Amino acid sequence: MSVERVLWDAKNPPLSRRDLFRLMARQGQIAMARAMENGAGSPSHQPGRDRLRLLAAIPHLGAPAAEVDLNGLGFAALTISDACTACGACGKACPTGAMLFEKNEEEMTFAISFTAQQCIACDLCDHVCLPDAITINRVPDFEQIFGVKDPILLAAGELVRCARCNTLMSERNGVKLCPLCEHRRTHPFGSMLPKKVMKGPRS
C-alpha cells in the first residue's frame, strides 16, 4: 500500500521545537556578527534572518505551560534612568532597531522607545552610554519579551540647549551644561577623557 509523503524544500525545511531553540541559542551572536560586519551596521536595522524566523514561529507554539528561562538566548529587557542626557547614541549604535531615539526640535522634545523582540543583547547601547543611564536585564522572562508587541517607551522629556555649546540635551533640574562641557569645566587643564571612554567597553 503506497503512502503519500510530504516533500519539503531542502533550502527552507520546517523547524522542530528542538531546532527552534537551538537557533535561539546561537542567533544572537550570529546577528551581531552580521550587524558589525565591515564595521558598519545593516542599513535596514533589522534583526537577522534567524531571529525573524523565530519571531514568526513563536505565536504558533502558544503560551508555555511553565516558566521559560531565556538566559543565554540573546534576549534582554532594558530600562533607562533619569541620568539620560538624550544624546541619541544608543539609538545610533543599535544594529537591529530595537532602540529607537526620536527628537522633535520644533517642540523641543525627545523619546526613546524599545522593542524587546528585536533586541539581540549585544550591549552596544550600554557601551556607548556615557552617563550609564541604561540598565540591561539579561535574564528576562517570557512575558517581558513575547507578551508585549508594541514598542515600550523607556524615556521621554523636554529638550534644552547647553549653556556653553548650544547642544540639545534632556532637561534636568540644575543641569545647564551638556556632559562634554561639564567634563571640560571640571578638567580645565587636562585632556583626560571621561572614565567610561578611557576604560572602553565592558567585557
Protein backbone atom coordinates (compact mmCIF):
# COMPACT_ATOMS: atom_id res chain seq x y z
CA MET A 1 0.00 0.00 0.00
CA SER A 2 1.55 3.29 -1.07
CA VAL A 3 1.53 6.29 1.26
CA GLU A 4 1.99 9.84 0.11
CA ARG A 5 4.73 11.68 1.91
CA VAL A 6 5.15 15.41 2.19
CA LEU A 7 8.14 16.82 0.31
CA TRP A 8 9.86 19.82 1.85
CA ASP A 9 12.03 22.35 0.12
CA ALA A 10 15.61 21.50 1.05
CA LYS A 11 16.55 25.18 1.08
CA ASN A 12 13.95 26.05 3.70
CA PRO A 13 12.97 22.92 5.69
CA PRO A 14 10.49 23.06 8.61
CA LEU A 15 11.87 23.52 12.13
CA SER A 16 11.25 21.20 15.02
CA ARG A 17 10.95 22.63 18.54
CA ARG A 18 14.47 21.41 19.31
CA ASP A 19 15.86 23.07 16.19
CA LEU A 20 13.96 26.25 17.00
CA PHE A 21 15.52 26.60 20.44
CA ARG A 22 18.95 25.70 19.10
CA LEU A 23 18.57 28.63 16.72
CA MET A 24 17.58 30.82 19.66
CA ALA A 25 20.79 29.88 21.46
CA ARG A 26 23.06 30.99 18.63
CA GLN A 27 21.10 33.62 16.73
CA GLY A 28 22.21 36.50 18.99
CA GLN A 29 25.90 36.01 18.20
CA ILE A 30 25.19 35.49 14.50
CA ALA A 31 23.02 38.58 14.22
CA MET A 32 25.59 40.72 16.00
CA ALA A 33 28.39 39.45 13.75
CA ARG A 34 26.34 40.27 10.67
CA ALA A 35 25.43 43.70 12.01
CA MET A 36 29.05 44.61 12.72
CA GLU A 37 30.45 43.12 9.51
CA ASN A 38 32.92 45.51 7.85
CA GLY A 39 32.48 47.87 10.80
CA ALA A 40 29.01 49.03 9.76
CA GLY A 41 25.50 48.16 10.79
CA SER A 42 22.83 46.91 8.44
CA PRO A 43 21.16 49.80 6.61
CA SER A 44 17.76 48.22 7.28
CA HIS A 45 18.39 47.99 11.04
CA GLN A 46 16.52 44.72 11.31
CA PRO A 47 17.31 41.55 13.29
CA GLY A 48 18.96 38.71 11.43
CA ARG A 49 17.07 36.09 9.45
CA ASP A 50 17.15 33.53 12.26
CA ARG A 51 15.62 35.98 14.77
CA LEU A 52 12.88 36.91 12.28
CA ARG A 53 12.05 33.24 11.72
CA LEU A 54 11.92 32.68 15.46
CA LEU A 55 9.57 35.63 15.98
CA ALA A 56 7.31 34.31 13.25
CA ALA A 57 7.25 30.82 14.81
CA ILE A 58 6.61 31.76 18.47
CA PRO A 59 2.90 32.72 18.01
CA HIS A 60 2.22 29.26 16.54
CA LEU A 61 3.72 27.49 19.56
CA GLY A 62 1.29 29.05 22.04
CA ALA A 63 1.99 30.22 25.58
CA PRO A 64 4.41 28.00 27.54
CA ALA A 65 2.89 25.75 30.21
CA ALA A 66 5.71 26.59 32.63
CA GLU A 67 8.10 29.49 33.11
CA VAL A 68 10.64 29.59 30.27
CA ASP A 69 14.22 30.56 31.05
CA LEU A 70 15.56 32.84 28.28
CA ASN A 71 19.02 33.13 29.83
CA GLY A 72 21.74 32.85 27.20
CA LEU A 73 19.31 33.02 24.28
CA GLY A 74 20.18 36.55 23.16
CA PHE A 75 17.22 38.39 24.68
CA ALA A 76 17.27 41.36 27.07
CA ALA A 77 14.97 43.87 28.73
CA LEU A 78 16.13 47.47 29.19
CA THR A 79 15.36 50.40 31.46
CA ILE A 80 16.64 53.99 31.28
CA SER A 81 17.21 56.19 34.34
CA ASP A 82 16.82 59.94 34.80
CA ALA A 83 20.55 60.29 34.08
CA CYS A 84 19.80 60.06 30.35
CA THR A 85 21.08 63.14 28.51
CA ALA A 86 19.14 62.45 25.28
CA CYS A 87 22.34 62.29 23.23
CA GLY A 88 20.84 59.62 20.96
CA ALA A 89 23.99 57.49 20.90
CA CYS A 90 22.07 54.38 21.98
CA GLY A 91 19.69 54.58 19.04
CA LYS A 92 22.53 55.14 16.56
CA ALA A 93 24.52 52.18 17.94
CA CYS A 94 21.62 49.69 17.96
CA PRO A 95 22.18 47.35 14.99
CA THR A 96 18.65 45.93 14.90
CA GLY A 97 16.47 48.99 15.50
CA ALA A 98 15.31 47.67 18.89
CA MET A 99 16.28 51.00 20.46
CA LEU A 100 14.74 53.98 18.69
CA PHE A 101 15.65 57.58 19.57
CA GLU A 102 13.42 60.36 18.26
CA LYS A 103 13.62 64.10 18.81
CA ASN A 104 11.45 66.98 17.75
CA GLU A 105 13.49 70.18 17.58
CA GLU A 106 10.42 72.29 16.90
CA GLU A 107 8.61 71.13 20.02
CA MET A 108 11.92 70.53 21.89
CA THR A 109 11.02 67.01 23.00
CA PHE A 110 12.62 63.58 22.78
CA ALA A 111 11.54 59.96 23.20
CA ILE A 112 13.36 56.64 23.41
CA SER A 113 11.35 53.50 22.66
CA PHE A 114 12.37 49.84 22.86
CA THR A 115 11.14 46.73 21.07
CA ALA A 116 12.24 43.74 23.16
CA GLN A 117 11.77 41.12 20.45
CA GLN A 118 14.26 42.87 18.17
CA CYS A 119 16.96 43.20 20.85
CA ILE A 120 19.84 40.72 20.47
CA ALA A 121 21.51 41.61 23.81
CA CYS A 122 24.65 42.90 22.08
CA ASP A 123 25.11 45.58 24.81
CA LEU A 124 26.22 48.21 22.27
CA CYS A 125 23.73 50.75 23.65
CA ASP A 126 25.18 50.29 27.14
CA HIS A 127 28.75 50.63 25.90
CA VAL A 128 28.10 54.00 24.22
CA CYS A 129 26.01 55.44 27.09
CA LEU A 130 28.41 57.73 28.98
CA PRO A 131 26.07 58.60 31.88
CA ASP A 132 25.37 54.87 32.47
CA ALA A 133 21.65 55.56 32.19
CA ILE A 134 20.89 52.15 30.66
CA THR A 135 20.31 49.05 32.78
CA ILE A 136 20.16 45.70 30.99
CA ASN A 137 18.31 42.67 32.32
CA ARG A 138 19.97 39.76 30.54
CA VAL A 139 17.64 37.18 32.10
CA PRO A 140 14.17 38.42 31.08
CA ASP A 141 11.12 36.22 31.45
CA PHE A 142 9.00 35.05 28.52
CA GLU A 143 6.26 37.62 29.17
CA GLN A 144 8.70 40.57 29.08
CA ILE A 145 9.82 39.62 25.59
CA PHE A 146 6.83 38.00 23.89
CA GLY A 147 3.97 39.40 25.95
CA VAL A 148 4.43 42.93 24.58
CA LYS A 149 4.10 43.51 20.84
CA ASP A 150 4.26 47.30 20.68
CA PRO A 151 7.42 49.31 21.46
CA ILE A 152 7.83 50.33 25.11
CA LEU A 153 8.52 53.98 25.93
CA LEU A 154 11.69 53.93 28.04
CA ALA A 155 12.30 57.68 28.33
CA ALA A 156 10.77 60.93 27.18
CA GLY A 157 11.03 64.57 28.13
CA GLU A 158 11.85 68.14 27.23
CA LEU A 159 14.98 69.28 25.45
CA VAL A 160 17.09 72.32 26.35
CA ARG A 161 20.30 73.74 24.94
CA CYS A 162 23.67 73.56 26.65
CA ALA A 163 24.58 76.96 28.10
CA ARG A 164 28.08 76.73 26.60
CA CYS A 165 27.97 74.85 23.28
CA ASN A 166 24.25 75.09 22.47
CA THR A 167 23.89 71.32 22.03
CA LEU A 168 20.45 69.85 22.64
CA MET A 169 20.16 67.75 25.81
CA SER A 170 17.47 66.50 28.14
CA GLU A 171 16.14 68.98 30.68
CA ARG A 172 17.27 68.07 34.21
CA ASN A 173 16.99 70.09 37.40
CA GLY A 174 20.03 72.29 37.96
CA VAL A 175 21.93 70.99 34.89
CA LYS A 176 22.91 73.70 32.41
CA LEU A 177 25.87 72.05 30.64
CA CYS A 178 25.99 69.00 28.41
CA PRO A 179 28.19 66.10 29.65
CA LEU A 180 31.15 67.12 27.46
CA CYS A 181 31.12 70.77 28.56
CA GLU A 182 30.66 69.71 32.17
CA HIS A 183 33.68 67.40 31.88
CA ARG A 184 35.77 70.19 30.36
CA ARG A 185 34.68 72.53 33.16
CA THR A 186 35.80 70.09 35.83
CA HIS A 187 39.07 69.26 33.99
CA PRO A 188 40.13 72.67 32.59
CA PHE A 189 43.87 71.95 32.45
CA GLY A 190 43.83 68.41 31.11
CA SER A 191 42.66 66.43 28.12
CA MET A 192 41.60 63.43 30.18
CA LEU A 193 38.56 61.68 28.74
CA PRO A 194 35.61 60.52 30.84
CA LYS A 195 36.25 57.26 32.72
CA LYS A 196 33.96 55.18 30.58
CA VAL A 197 35.73 56.29 27.40
CA MET A 198 39.13 55.55 28.91
CA LYS A 199 38.11 52.08 30.11
CA GLY A 200 36.40 51.15 26.87
CA PRO A 201 33.54 48.67 26.52
CA ARG A 202 32.89 46.43 29.48
CA SER A 203 33.55 42.77 28.90
